[in-house]
Structure formats: C-alpha cells, structure tokens
Amino acid sequence: MVKTPPRFFRFFYNLFGYINYMLATLIAWTTPYPVSYFIGVNLARLWYISGANTKTVKRNISKVMNIGIDDPRTSYICKKIYIEFAKNVVDFLKNRIIPKKQFNKNIKIEGLENLKKALDARRGAVIFTAHIGNFEWGAARIGTEGIKIWGVGLHRDNLPLDNYFERNRGNKCLKTIYANKMLHVFKILRNNEVIAIPTDLDPLKNSKIYDFFGHKAFIPSGSVQIAMAAKAPLIPSFIIRDGKYHHHQVILPPVELETEGNKEDAINKNMLKVIEILEDQIKRNIEQWVMFHDIWVE
C-alpha cells in the first residue's frame, strides 16, 4: 500500500484552519458587537472548563502574583484572562469592518509625542511590549497616526492564513514581519520606521534565562539587541482594555540604553531595565496578560 504523503494531510489541515477563520470572521461581521462578544466569551468559558491550557495560565499567574496555583484568586484571574483573550479575538475578526475614525476613538493614546520625538533622530524606533490587552491593536493605533510600523508575528506554515492575518493587520496600518524572518529589520529602522516586539515570549525558544518575578524564565533580548545594533531608541508601549469597547494605550519615554564596555554585559544591564518595566505592567494588568505559553525554567 502506498503511503499518503504528509504534505497531503498538511494541505487539508491548513485548509480546515483557514475555513474556520473565515467562518468565524463571517459570524463576527454579521453580528453586532454585544452578540459577538457574547458568543466569544461563552466559548472562552467552555474552553476554560475543558481545562485546555489552564495549568500553564495558572502557573503564570502563580509566579507573577506569588500565590498558589490552587488559590481561588488564581482561578478567578485565569477565567478573566480567557475572557479577555476571547474579546481580543472578536476585535481582531471585526478589524476590517471598524471604520478608522471609530477605531481611533475607541483607543485613547497617551505619550505619542515620546515616539515622534524619538523618530527625529532618523534611526527608526524599537517598541517593546507584552501580551497585555489587545497588543496588536496597540501597534495598529500607532500606524493610524501616519507612522509606519511593523509588528512581529508568528509564521503559521499556512500561506492562506498568513495572508489573512497580514490583510487584517494591514487594514489598520500594521505591517507584519515574521519572527523567523527578521533579516529586513535593520532596513526598516534605516527607513525611520518602527518595529514592535512582544518581549515576554520568544516563540523560537532561543532566549536567555533571566530573573522574572523572582523566578528563572526565558525572556527574549531581541528588542534590546536590535536597538543597540541599530542605535535606535527602545520604547516601552502597552495597551489595556479600560471599558467594554475602549482601550488605553500608553507610550513611555525611551529606555536609556547602556552601550559602554562588554557587549554581553551591556545587553544584560539593558534587559534588567526592560524586565523591570515588563514586571510592573504585567503585575498591574495581570487579568489582561493573555499568556498561554510556559516561559518558566523552574
């Protein structure tokens, strides 16, 4: 018997994934926001009840908040994270049918002058953020201000689905650069454009180990290394949901990068500054930290 090539199964697996996104998009486009959220939130509750990923999410909460995995507060926060993620998915699916004017109205942006001033040096800018709130919309909101910005995305080995994600982001002025294809990042910065990098997760698992909330964790230093190599400003930016349909994005002043002495020592010193900011933002917004990956060593 001739074996069916794995490529055959991969084709139908990818097709199935793409069709699912198209069906979800159709539902999101044809239902008003309250109904879309109702569907998404209840699916998230079922996902939580199923136990899928809950061990990882609760472990993340336990490390950040220094409470037990079985603590009732951990379960409460975990449910909130699942619901927040569902709302983010609904927002993403509706992205292309939300008028730009309404989009900007729904996302209050604070500190844009910090980014504009940094771009005056004509070296571009590296934004580091975390998986807090609707972090993709945070980058897109900057793009709607006329600033060319790229978000680092995860390549799915599914061309139709990758194209779908790129079109969806591009509709709100956010371009995509893939984590495993970062060769053009310095060209982007030389063009005085911006690259936004989530710095609480390395999907390629090439990260060094740093102290994070008092525990050992894999935290990527890519944003720091790129900023140092390009002599570009490194800027923290985070977005949180502060209402049912409203968000608040803040762009903080650039981090003062250490550049003297040994390169590795400078990277580590700069990472300590980045981690301090990440810890502050994640702990204050733990219910919106939609992290479904285990980043811990111990």
Protein backbone atom coordinates (compact mmCIF):
# COMPACT_ATOMS: atom_id res chain seq x y z
CA MET A 1 0.00 0.00 0.00
CA VAL A 2 1.34 3.40 -0.97
CA LYS A 3 1.55 5.78 1.96
CA THR A 4 -0.15 9.15 1.59
CA PRO A 5 2.48 11.89 1.74
CA PRO A 6 2.40 14.04 4.90
CA ARG A 7 2.03 17.06 2.58
CA PHE A 8 -1.44 15.80 1.66
CA PHE A 9 -2.57 15.89 5.29
CA ARG A 10 -0.88 19.24 5.87
CA PHE A 11 -2.80 20.75 2.95
CA PHE A 12 -6.20 19.72 4.37
CA TYR A 13 -5.17 20.67 7.90
CA ASN A 14 -4.23 24.15 6.70
CA LEU A 15 -7.39 24.39 4.62
CA PHE A 16 -9.51 23.41 7.62
CA GLY A 17 -7.79 26.07 9.74
CA TYR A 18 -8.35 28.74 7.10
CA ILE A 19 -12.03 27.82 6.65
CA ASN A 20 -12.56 28.02 10.41
CA TYR A 21 -11.18 31.57 10.46
CA MET A 22 -13.39 32.53 7.51
CA LEU A 23 -16.47 31.17 9.28
CA ALA A 24 -15.52 32.98 12.50
CA THR A 25 -14.99 36.18 10.53
CA LEU A 26 -18.39 35.80 8.85
CA ILE A 27 -20.07 35.44 12.24
CA ALA A 28 -18.17 38.46 13.61
CA TRP A 29 -19.08 40.60 10.59
CA THR A 30 -22.77 39.69 10.63
CA THR A 31 -23.46 40.08 14.36
CA PRO A 32 -23.44 43.30 16.41
CA TYR A 33 -20.62 43.72 18.92
CA PRO A 34 -22.64 42.66 22.02
CA VAL A 35 -23.68 39.43 20.29
CA SER A 36 -20.15 38.74 19.00
CA TYR A 37 -18.73 39.23 22.50
CA PHE A 38 -21.48 37.03 23.98
CA ILE A 39 -20.53 34.19 21.61
CA GLY A 40 -16.79 34.66 22.12
CA VAL A 41 -16.96 34.94 25.90
CA ASN A 42 -19.11 31.84 26.28
CA LEU A 43 -16.82 29.84 24.02
CA ALA A 44 -13.94 31.03 26.22
CA ARG A 45 -15.78 29.80 29.31
CA LEU A 46 -16.19 26.38 27.70
CA TRP A 47 -12.50 26.42 26.79
CA TYR A 48 -11.65 27.18 30.42
CA ILE A 49 -13.96 24.46 31.73
CA SER A 50 -12.34 21.95 29.37
CA GLY A 51 -9.04 22.52 31.17
CA ALA A 52 -7.14 23.25 27.97
CA ASN A 53 -4.09 25.40 28.78
CA THR A 54 -5.37 26.20 32.28
CA LYS A 55 -2.38 24.60 34.00
CA THR A 56 0.00 26.84 32.08
CA VAL A 57 -2.03 30.02 32.61
CA LYS A 58 -2.42 29.33 36.32
CA ARG A 59 1.29 28.67 36.62
CA ASN A 60 1.99 32.06 35.01
CA ILE A 61 -0.40 33.78 37.44
CA SER A 62 1.10 31.95 40.40
CA LYS A 63 4.62 33.12 39.52
CA VAL A 64 3.61 36.73 38.92
CA MET A 65 1.34 37.14 41.94
CA ASN A 66 3.31 34.86 44.28
CA ILE A 67 0.21 32.85 45.17
CA GLY A 68 -0.53 29.14 44.94
CA ILE A 69 -1.80 27.52 41.76
CA ASP A 70 -4.78 26.19 43.74
CA ASP A 71 -5.51 29.57 45.32
CA PRO A 72 -9.08 30.73 44.44
CA ARG A 73 -7.60 34.04 43.29
CA THR A 74 -5.57 32.16 40.67
CA SER A 75 -8.70 30.54 39.22
CA TYR A 76 -10.54 33.86 39.23
CA ILE A 77 -7.75 35.63 37.33
CA CYS A 78 -7.39 32.68 34.96
CA LYS A 79 -11.06 32.91 33.94
CA LYS A 80 -10.65 36.64 33.38
CA ILE A 81 -7.69 36.01 31.06
CA TYR A 82 -9.67 33.52 28.96
CA ILE A 83 -12.50 36.05 28.60
CA GLU A 84 -10.06 38.85 27.74
CA PHE A 85 -8.47 36.70 25.06
CA ALA A 86 -11.89 35.92 23.57
CA LYS A 87 -12.66 39.64 23.32
CA ASN A 88 -9.31 40.22 21.63
CA VAL A 89 -10.15 37.54 19.05
CA VAL A 90 -13.53 39.13 18.35
CA ASP A 91 -11.85 42.54 17.97
CA PHE A 92 -9.35 41.05 15.53
CA LEU A 93 -12.05 39.36 13.46
CA LYS A 94 -14.02 42.63 13.24
CA ASN A 95 -10.91 44.66 12.45
CA ARG A 96 -11.65 45.31 8.77
CA ILE A 97 -15.24 46.47 9.29
CA ILE A 98 -14.42 49.00 12.01
CA PRO A 99 -14.04 52.48 10.46
CA LYS A 100 -10.68 54.11 11.15
CA LYS A 101 -12.36 57.07 12.86
CA GLN A 102 -14.21 54.76 15.27
CA PHE A 103 -11.07 52.68 15.79
CA ASN A 104 -9.08 55.73 16.86
CA LYS A 105 -11.92 56.94 19.05
CA ASN A 106 -12.05 53.61 20.87
CA ILE A 107 -8.31 53.63 21.63
CA LYS A 108 -7.06 56.58 23.66
CA ILE A 109 -3.35 57.02 23.02
CA GLU A 110 -1.08 58.73 25.53
CA GLY A 111 2.59 59.61 25.04
CA LEU A 112 2.65 59.65 21.25
CA GLU A 113 5.00 62.62 21.49
CA ASN A 114 7.63 60.30 23.05
CA LEU A 115 7.68 58.22 19.87
CA LYS A 116 7.57 61.17 17.48
CA LYS A 117 10.44 62.87 19.28
CA ALA A 118 12.49 59.65 19.18
CA LEU A 119 11.95 59.38 15.42
CA ASP A 120 13.51 62.84 14.94
CA ALA A 121 16.92 61.13 15.13
CA ARG A 122 16.03 59.28 11.87
CA ARG A 123 17.13 55.89 13.24
CA GLY A 124 13.67 54.39 13.48
CA ALA A 125 12.45 53.02 16.81
CA VAL A 126 12.06 49.66 18.52
CA ILE A 127 8.96 49.31 20.67
CA PHE A 128 8.87 46.57 23.25
CA THR A 129 5.59 45.44 24.71
CA ALA A 130 3.94 42.40 26.30
CA HIS A 131 0.91 40.20 25.64
CA ILE A 132 -1.25 42.58 27.66
CA GLY A 133 -4.68 43.62 26.40
CA ASN A 134 -5.17 43.81 22.65
CA PHE A 135 -1.47 44.34 21.99
CA GLU A 136 -1.86 44.12 18.20
CA TRP A 137 -4.36 46.98 18.28
CA GLY A 138 -1.82 48.97 20.28
CA ALA A 139 0.64 48.77 17.39
CA ALA A 140 -2.10 49.41 14.83
CA ARG A 141 -3.20 52.53 16.70
CA ILE A 142 0.26 53.98 16.19
CA GLY A 143 0.02 53.14 12.49
CA THR A 144 -3.23 55.08 12.13
CA GLU A 145 -1.29 58.19 13.22
CA GLY A 146 0.69 58.01 9.98
CA ILE A 147 3.74 56.29 11.48
CA LYS A 148 4.95 53.27 9.53
CA ILE A 149 5.03 50.36 11.96
CA TRP A 150 5.72 46.65 11.74
CA GLY A 151 4.57 44.04 14.24
CA VAL A 152 6.45 40.81 14.80
CA GLY A 153 4.14 37.89 14.05
CA LEU A 154 4.35 34.12 14.23
CA HIS A 155 4.67 32.26 10.93
CA ARG A 156 2.00 29.54 10.83
CA ASP A 157 3.26 27.49 7.89
CA ASN A 158 -0.16 28.16 6.34
CA LEU A 159 0.09 30.65 3.49
CA PRO A 160 -3.65 31.46 3.15
CA LEU A 161 -3.91 32.01 6.90
CA ASP A 162 -0.73 34.11 7.00
CA ASN A 163 -2.14 36.23 4.16
CA TYR A 164 -5.43 36.59 6.06
CA PHE A 165 -3.61 37.86 9.16
CA GLU A 166 -1.48 40.24 7.09
CA ARG A 167 -4.55 41.70 5.32
CA ASN A 168 -6.38 42.10 8.61
CA ARG A 169 -3.48 43.90 10.26
CA GLY A 170 -2.71 45.93 7.17
CA ASN A 171 -6.25 47.28 7.13
CA LYS A 172 -5.30 49.24 10.26
CA CYS A 173 -1.84 50.28 9.06
CA LEU A 174 0.12 47.49 10.76
CA LYS A 175 2.62 45.59 8.62
CA THR A 176 3.85 42.11 9.54
CA ILE A 177 7.41 40.85 9.90
CA TYR A 178 7.81 37.23 10.94
CA ALA A 179 9.86 36.16 13.94
CA ASN A 180 11.85 33.69 11.86
CA LYS A 181 12.47 36.20 9.03
CA MET A 182 13.95 39.25 10.73
CA LEU A 183 16.58 39.96 8.06
CA HIS A 184 14.88 43.18 6.97
CA VAL A 185 14.56 44.66 10.42
CA PHE A 186 17.56 46.98 10.03
CA LYS A 187 16.31 48.21 6.67
CA ILE A 188 13.01 49.05 8.37
CA LEU A 189 14.83 51.08 11.00
CA ARG A 190 17.04 52.83 8.42
CA ASN A 191 13.81 53.94 6.72
CA ASN A 192 12.89 55.58 10.05
CA GLU A 193 10.05 53.14 10.59
CA VAL A 194 9.03 51.37 13.79
CA ILE A 195 9.13 47.72 14.78
CA ALA A 196 7.03 46.46 17.70
CA ILE A 197 8.22 43.35 19.52
CA PRO A 198 6.43 41.46 22.32
CA THR A 199 9.23 40.88 24.81
CA ASP A 200 7.61 38.47 27.25
CA LEU A 201 7.73 35.47 24.90
CA ASP A 202 10.17 34.01 22.41
CA PRO A 203 8.21 31.75 20.01
CA LEU A 204 11.51 30.42 18.62
CA LYS A 205 12.74 29.48 22.12
CA ASN A 206 16.21 30.94 21.63
CA SER A 207 16.06 33.17 24.69
CA LYS A 208 18.48 33.53 27.55
CA ILE A 209 17.38 32.93 31.11
CA TYR A 210 16.65 35.97 33.28
CA ASP A 211 15.13 36.58 36.69
CA PHE A 212 11.46 37.37 36.16
CA PHE A 213 9.19 37.97 39.15
CA GLY A 214 11.81 36.23 41.31
CA HIS A 215 11.89 33.10 39.13
CA LYS A 216 14.02 31.92 36.23
CA ALA A 217 12.35 32.44 32.86
CA PHE A 218 13.15 32.55 29.15
CA ILE A 219 12.86 36.24 28.23
CA PRO A 220 13.88 37.33 24.70
CA SER A 221 16.51 40.05 24.40
CA GLY A 222 15.88 40.66 20.69
CA SER A 223 14.36 44.12 21.15
CA VAL A 224 17.39 45.23 23.17
CA GLN A 225 19.94 43.74 20.77
CA ILE A 226 18.26 45.25 17.71
CA ALA A 227 18.02 48.69 19.31
CA MET A 228 21.66 48.56 20.38
CA ALA A 229 22.91 47.38 16.98
CA ALA A 230 20.89 49.99 15.07
CA LYS A 231 21.48 52.74 17.67
CA ALA A 232 17.69 53.13 17.66
CA PRO A 233 15.61 54.25 20.63
CA LEU A 234 13.99 51.47 22.65
CA ILE A 235 10.49 52.50 23.70
CA PRO A 236 8.02 50.77 26.04
CA SER A 237 4.37 50.78 24.94
CA PHE A 238 1.39 48.95 26.41
CA ILE A 239 -2.36 48.85 25.89
CA ILE A 240 -5.12 47.83 28.30
CA ARG A 241 -8.87 47.47 27.94
CA ASP A 242 -10.43 50.12 30.18
CA GLY A 243 -14.03 49.69 29.07
CA LYS A 244 -16.19 47.21 27.19
CA TYR A 245 -15.18 48.64 23.82
CA HIS A 246 -12.49 51.11 24.85
CA HIS A 247 -8.75 50.82 25.32
CA HIS A 248 -6.00 52.97 26.74
CA GLN A 249 -2.56 52.87 25.19
CA VAL A 250 0.50 54.47 26.72
CA ILE A 251 3.84 55.12 25.04
CA LEU A 252 6.55 55.70 27.63
CA PRO A 253 9.83 57.61 27.17
CA PRO A 254 12.74 55.66 25.66
CA VAL A 255 14.85 53.44 27.89
CA GLU A 256 18.33 54.84 28.46
CA LEU A 257 20.47 52.14 26.90
CA GLU A 258 23.86 51.16 28.28
CA THR A 259 26.38 50.96 25.45
CA GLU A 260 29.77 51.08 27.15
CA GLY A 261 32.03 48.11 27.84
CA ASN A 262 31.44 44.47 27.08
CA LYS A 263 28.54 43.84 24.70
CA GLU A 264 27.03 40.99 26.74
CA ASP A 265 27.25 42.98 29.95
CA ALA A 266 25.53 45.93 28.24
CA ILE A 267 22.75 43.66 26.93
CA ASN A 268 22.19 42.21 30.39
CA LYS A 269 22.10 45.65 32.04
CA ASN A 270 19.58 46.86 29.46
CA MET A 271 17.49 43.73 29.88
CA LEU A 272 17.24 44.41 33.61
CA LYS A 273 15.69 47.78 32.76
CA VAL A 274 13.30 46.19 30.28
CA ILE A 275 12.31 43.43 32.69
CA GLU A 276 11.59 45.94 35.45
CA ILE A 277 9.10 47.70 33.16
CA LEU A 278 7.57 44.41 31.98
CA GLU A 279 7.09 43.21 35.54
CA ASP A 280 5.38 46.44 36.54
CA GLN A 281 2.98 46.41 33.59
CA ILE A 282 2.16 42.70 33.81
CA LYS A 283 1.53 42.68 37.55
CA ARG A 284 -0.72 45.76 37.39
CA ASN A 285 -2.67 44.25 34.49
CA ILE A 286 -2.46 40.55 35.28
CA GLU A 287 -6.11 39.92 34.32
CA GLN A 288 -5.26 41.05 30.79
CA TRP A 289 -1.96 39.18 30.42
CA VAL A 290 -3.09 36.76 27.70
CA MET A 291 -0.07 34.49 28.00
CA PHE A 292 -0.86 30.88 27.17
CA HIS A 293 2.76 29.71 26.99
CA ASP A 294 5.00 28.37 29.74
CA ILE A 295 8.03 30.67 29.87
CA TRP A 296 9.48 29.37 33.14
CA VAL A 297 12.58 27.31 33.74
CA GLU A 298 11.58 26.10 37.20
